[in-house]
């Protein structure tokens, strides 16, 4: 009888480690599956047009008519490419997805009490828009880092810019350069002038608040500054990774 009780106790004592091992193995399998699926997803979006985004779906739920028209980078005005580089990420062609200098400056400003400001690159914004959900929660930012790294690993810079320009929101349900150009200026994205491109880039931080055409005083002033920076982008070859 004593031996039988001892065996039962031993059996119970081994249940906890076994459960822990099972949970660990399950977590590892889920992790491997998640990594595999995310890699496949990124590779797929590197080959085919992005069919839609979480933000597009959210706008539909809110009752907004979404307009989008996938356009190859070759069919988008170089002026708009330079405008978004000037507005969003001057180091786009030179970084590996993250602008660590800008991140440090943003952290320093936050510590100094100036509040938190964005330091996301175009690569990060593309990852957020294409694969994730709107918001600033820590989990989303963490996953954004992962997808940004995958983008930079599997996509050339031209593809990152192409996807960015095709899924960025430009207000009133218009997503992508082609829809924005036709809605705001009645022309294709290929025909945008430097002036028009600067206005579109100027409203990117808040496209549902600011108007590109006609622009208000703030947008007009910001666009004028962007046109000067666009000239710098061209002169200094800051768009060299995008144009053959």
Protein backbone atom coordinates (compact mmCIF):
# COMPACT_ATOMS: atom_id res chain seq x y z
CA UNK A 1 0.00 0.00 0.00
CA UNK A 2 2.80 2.43 0.82
CA UNK A 3 4.46 1.80 -2.55
CA UNK A 4 1.17 2.40 -4.38
CA UNK A 5 0.68 5.79 -2.69
CA UNK A 6 4.23 6.75 -3.52
CA UNK A 7 3.64 5.98 -7.20
CA UNK A 8 0.48 8.11 -7.23
CA UNK A 9 2.30 11.05 -5.67
CA UNK A 10 5.11 10.67 -8.18
CA UNK A 11 2.58 10.63 -11.03
CA UNK A 12 0.93 13.82 -9.75
CA UNK A 13 4.30 15.47 -9.29
CA UNK A 14 5.17 14.89 -12.94
CA UNK A 15 1.98 16.41 -14.30
CA UNK A 16 3.05 20.04 -13.82
CA UNK A 17 6.38 19.77 -15.71
CA UNK A 18 4.63 17.83 -18.49
CA UNK A 19 1.95 20.51 -18.79
CA UNK A 20 4.62 23.20 -18.90
CA UNK A 21 6.45 21.31 -21.67
CA UNK A 22 3.23 20.91 -23.64
CA UNK A 23 2.45 24.61 -23.32
CA UNK A 24 5.99 25.53 -24.35
CA UNK A 25 5.85 23.24 -27.37
CA UNK A 26 2.47 24.64 -28.37
CA UNK A 27 3.78 28.21 -28.06
CA UNK A 28 6.80 27.33 -30.18
CA UNK A 29 4.61 25.76 -32.87
CA UNK A 30 2.38 28.85 -32.92
CA UNK A 31 5.46 31.07 -33.12
CA UNK A 32 6.94 29.12 -36.02
CA UNK A 33 3.58 29.19 -37.81
CA UNK A 34 3.29 32.94 -37.25
CA UNK A 35 6.79 33.59 -38.57
CA UNK A 36 6.20 31.37 -41.61
CA UNK A 37 2.86 32.96 -42.47
CA UNK A 38 4.21 36.50 -42.08
CA UNK A 39 7.18 35.74 -44.35
CA UNK A 40 4.88 34.21 -47.00
CA UNK A 41 2.53 37.20 -46.69
CA UNK A 42 5.33 39.70 -47.24
CA UNK A 43 6.74 37.75 -50.19
CA UNK A 44 3.25 37.55 -51.73
CA UNK A 45 2.66 41.30 -51.39
CA UNK A 46 6.03 41.83 -53.00
CA UNK A 47 4.66 40.20 -56.16
CA UNK A 48 0.97 41.16 -56.40
CA UNK A 49 -1.00 44.37 -55.76
CA UNK A 50 -2.15 44.76 -52.17
CA UNK A 51 -5.90 44.04 -52.39
CA UNK A 52 -6.90 46.11 -49.38
CA UNK A 53 -5.91 47.24 -45.91
CA UNK A 54 -7.42 47.29 -42.44
CA UNK A 55 -7.85 51.06 -42.69
CA UNK A 56 -9.76 50.71 -45.96
CA UNK A 57 -12.06 48.21 -44.27
CA UNK A 58 -12.54 50.57 -41.34
CA UNK A 59 -13.53 53.40 -43.67
CA UNK A 60 -16.10 51.14 -45.36
CA UNK A 61 -17.58 50.24 -41.96
CA UNK A 62 -17.77 53.96 -41.18
CA UNK A 63 -19.85 54.45 -44.32
CA UNK A 64 -17.18 55.96 -46.59
CA UNK A 65 -16.97 54.97 -50.23
CA UNK A 66 -13.42 53.77 -50.81
CA UNK A 67 -11.72 54.54 -54.11
CA UNK A 68 -8.41 52.91 -55.10
CA UNK A 69 -6.67 52.09 -58.34
CA UNK A 70 -3.37 50.21 -58.22
CA UNK A 71 -0.73 52.01 -60.30
CA UNK A 72 2.81 50.90 -61.09
CA UNK A 73 5.57 53.16 -59.81
CA UNK A 74 6.56 53.90 -63.41
CA UNK A 75 3.12 55.44 -63.92
CA UNK A 76 3.35 57.79 -60.93
CA UNK A 77 4.95 61.20 -61.35
CA UNK A 78 8.52 61.37 -60.02
CA UNK A 79 7.44 64.66 -58.49
CA UNK A 80 5.12 62.85 -56.10
CA UNK A 81 7.84 60.37 -55.20
CA UNK A 82 10.18 63.23 -54.35
CA UNK A 83 7.41 65.04 -52.50
CA UNK A 84 6.67 62.15 -50.13
CA UNK A 85 10.40 61.62 -49.53
CA UNK A 86 10.71 65.33 -48.71
CA UNK A 87 7.68 65.20 -46.43
CA UNK A 88 8.06 61.85 -44.72
CA UNK A 89 11.53 60.35 -44.98
CA UNK A 90 14.57 62.13 -46.45
CA UNK A 91 16.77 59.11 -45.68
CA UNK A 92 14.49 56.57 -47.37
CA UNK A 93 17.11 55.37 -49.85
CA UNK A 94 19.84 55.20 -47.21
CA UNK A 95 18.36 53.49 -44.15
CA UNK A 96 17.43 49.85 -43.58
CA UNK A 97 13.88 50.54 -42.55
CA UNK A 98 14.52 52.61 -39.42
CA UNK A 99 15.95 56.09 -38.96
CA UNK A 100 17.72 55.60 -35.64
CA UNK A 101 18.87 59.22 -35.50
CA UNK A 102 15.27 60.44 -35.84
CA UNK A 103 14.09 57.92 -33.25
CA UNK A 104 16.71 59.19 -30.78
CA UNK A 105 15.69 62.81 -31.43
CA UNK A 106 12.03 61.95 -30.85
CA UNK A 107 12.89 60.21 -27.58
CA UNK A 108 15.00 63.18 -26.47
CA UNK A 109 12.14 65.55 -27.25
CA UNK A 110 9.73 63.37 -25.28
CA UNK A 111 12.06 63.31 -22.27
CA UNK A 112 12.38 67.09 -22.47
CA UNK A 113 8.62 67.40 -22.17
CA UNK A 114 7.90 68.36 -25.77
CA UNK A 115 5.53 65.43 -26.22
CA UNK A 116 5.89 62.39 -28.43
CA UNK A 117 6.21 62.95 -32.16
CA UNK A 118 6.31 60.38 -34.90
CA UNK A 119 9.63 59.06 -36.16
CA UNK A 120 8.35 56.42 -38.56
CA UNK A 121 10.03 55.93 -41.91
CA UNK A 122 8.16 55.29 -45.14
CA UNK A 123 9.11 51.62 -44.71
CA UNK A 124 7.46 51.52 -41.29
CA UNK A 125 4.37 53.32 -42.53
CA UNK A 126 4.10 50.84 -45.40
CA UNK A 127 4.33 47.91 -42.98
CA UNK A 128 1.63 49.43 -40.77
CA UNK A 129 -0.69 50.22 -43.64
CA UNK A 130 -0.27 46.96 -45.57
CA UNK A 131 -0.20 44.39 -42.76
CA UNK A 132 -1.47 45.88 -39.51
CA UNK A 133 -4.17 48.00 -37.93
CA UNK A 134 -4.37 51.72 -37.13
CA UNK A 135 -3.29 52.84 -33.69
CA UNK A 136 -0.26 53.48 -31.52
CA UNK A 137 -0.49 50.61 -29.05
CA UNK A 138 2.80 48.92 -28.05
CA UNK A 139 1.84 45.56 -29.56
CA UNK A 140 1.21 47.07 -32.98
CA UNK A 141 4.49 48.98 -32.86
CA UNK A 142 6.34 45.79 -31.96
CA UNK A 143 4.80 43.82 -34.82
CA UNK A 144 5.44 46.79 -37.11
CA UNK A 145 9.16 46.43 -36.44
CA UNK A 146 8.99 42.78 -37.51
CA UNK A 147 7.14 43.48 -40.75
CA UNK A 148 9.39 46.44 -41.54
CA UNK A 149 12.41 44.19 -41.27
CA UNK A 150 10.78 41.61 -43.56
CA UNK A 151 9.95 44.31 -46.12
CA UNK A 152 13.51 45.55 -46.21
CA UNK A 153 14.77 41.98 -46.50
CA UNK A 154 12.48 40.78 -49.30
CA UNK A 155 11.46 43.93 -51.17
CA UNK A 156 13.60 46.41 -53.11
CA UNK A 157 13.14 50.05 -52.19
CA UNK A 158 11.15 50.58 -55.38
CA UNK A 159 8.56 48.06 -54.23
CA UNK A 160 8.28 49.64 -50.79
CA UNK A 161 7.63 53.04 -52.35
CA UNK A 162 5.20 51.55 -54.88
CA UNK A 163 3.14 49.87 -52.17
CA UNK A 164 3.26 52.98 -49.98
CA UNK A 165 1.97 55.24 -52.76
CA UNK A 166 -0.82 52.80 -53.61
CA UNK A 167 -2.27 52.31 -50.13
CA UNK A 168 -1.67 55.66 -48.41
CA UNK A 169 -4.86 57.46 -47.39
CA UNK A 170 -5.50 60.84 -49.02
CA UNK A 171 -8.86 61.66 -47.49
CA UNK A 172 -12.53 61.20 -48.37
CA UNK A 173 -12.03 57.49 -49.02
CA UNK A 174 -9.30 58.03 -51.61
CA UNK A 175 -6.44 55.57 -51.22
CA UNK A 176 -3.35 55.61 -53.39
CA UNK A 177 -1.79 58.18 -55.69
CA UNK A 178 -4.06 57.54 -58.66
CA UNK A 179 -7.31 57.98 -56.75
CA UNK A 180 -5.94 61.07 -54.98
CA UNK A 181 -4.71 62.70 -58.20
CA UNK A 182 -8.03 62.16 -59.97
CA UNK A 183 -10.12 63.30 -56.98
CA UNK A 184 -8.08 66.41 -56.18
CA UNK A 185 -6.80 67.54 -59.57
CA UNK A 186 -8.79 65.64 -62.19
CA UNK A 187 -5.74 64.00 -63.73
CA UNK A 188 -3.71 60.80 -63.50
CA UNK A 189 -0.90 60.33 -61.00
CA UNK A 190 1.56 60.35 -63.92
CA UNK A 191 0.58 63.93 -64.80
CA UNK A 192 1.05 65.52 -61.39
CA UNK A 193 3.20 68.66 -61.34
CA UNK A 194 5.65 69.55 -58.60
CA UNK A 195 3.12 72.00 -57.17
CA UNK A 196 0.31 69.45 -57.09
CA UNK A 197 2.56 66.72 -55.72
CA UNK A 198 3.72 68.99 -52.90
CA UNK A 199 0.10 69.68 -51.92
CA UNK A 200 -0.73 65.98 -51.81
CA UNK A 201 2.35 65.23 -49.71
CA UNK A 202 1.62 68.15 -47.41
CA UNK A 203 -1.70 66.65 -46.23
CA UNK A 204 -0.41 63.11 -45.61
CA UNK A 205 -0.11 63.48 -41.82
CA UNK A 206 -3.84 64.28 -41.57
CA UNK A 207 -5.57 63.74 -44.92
CA UNK A 208 -9.11 63.91 -43.56
CA UNK A 209 -8.46 67.19 -41.79
CA UNK A 210 -6.45 69.15 -44.35
CA UNK A 211 -7.38 69.86 -47.97
CA UNK A 212 -4.94 69.57 -50.86
CA UNK A 213 -7.14 71.46 -53.29
CA UNK A 214 -7.93 74.15 -52.48
CA UNK A 215 -5.24 74.32 -49.80
CA UNK A 216 -5.62 76.31 -46.63
CA UNK A 217 -2.85 78.66 -45.41
CA UNK A 218 -1.07 75.95 -43.42
CA UNK A 219 -1.07 73.39 -46.25
CA UNK A 220 0.02 76.02 -48.79
CA UNK A 221 2.91 77.06 -46.55
CA UNK A 222 3.94 73.48 -45.86
CA UNK A 223 3.77 72.62 -49.57
CA UNK A 224 6.03 75.57 -50.43
CA UNK A 225 8.64 74.30 -47.98
CA UNK A 226 8.31 70.81 -49.42
CA UNK A 227 9.01 72.06 -52.95
CA UNK A 228 12.34 73.43 -51.73
CA UNK A 229 13.14 70.09 -50.13
CA UNK A 230 12.06 68.26 -53.29
CA UNK A 231 14.75 70.19 -55.15
CA UNK A 232 17.26 69.03 -52.53
CA UNK A 233 16.09 65.43 -52.94
CA UNK A 234 16.74 65.59 -56.67
CA UNK A 235 20.01 67.51 -56.42
CA UNK A 236 21.50 65.25 -53.75
CA UNK A 237 20.28 62.02 -55.31
CA UNK A 238 18.14 61.12 -52.30
CA UNK A 239 15.76 59.36 -54.68
CA UNK A 240 18.56 57.42 -56.40
CA UNK A 241 17.29 54.01 -55.28
CA UNK A 242 14.00 54.59 -57.10
CA UNK A 243 14.91 55.85 -60.55
CA UNK A 244 16.98 53.85 -62.99
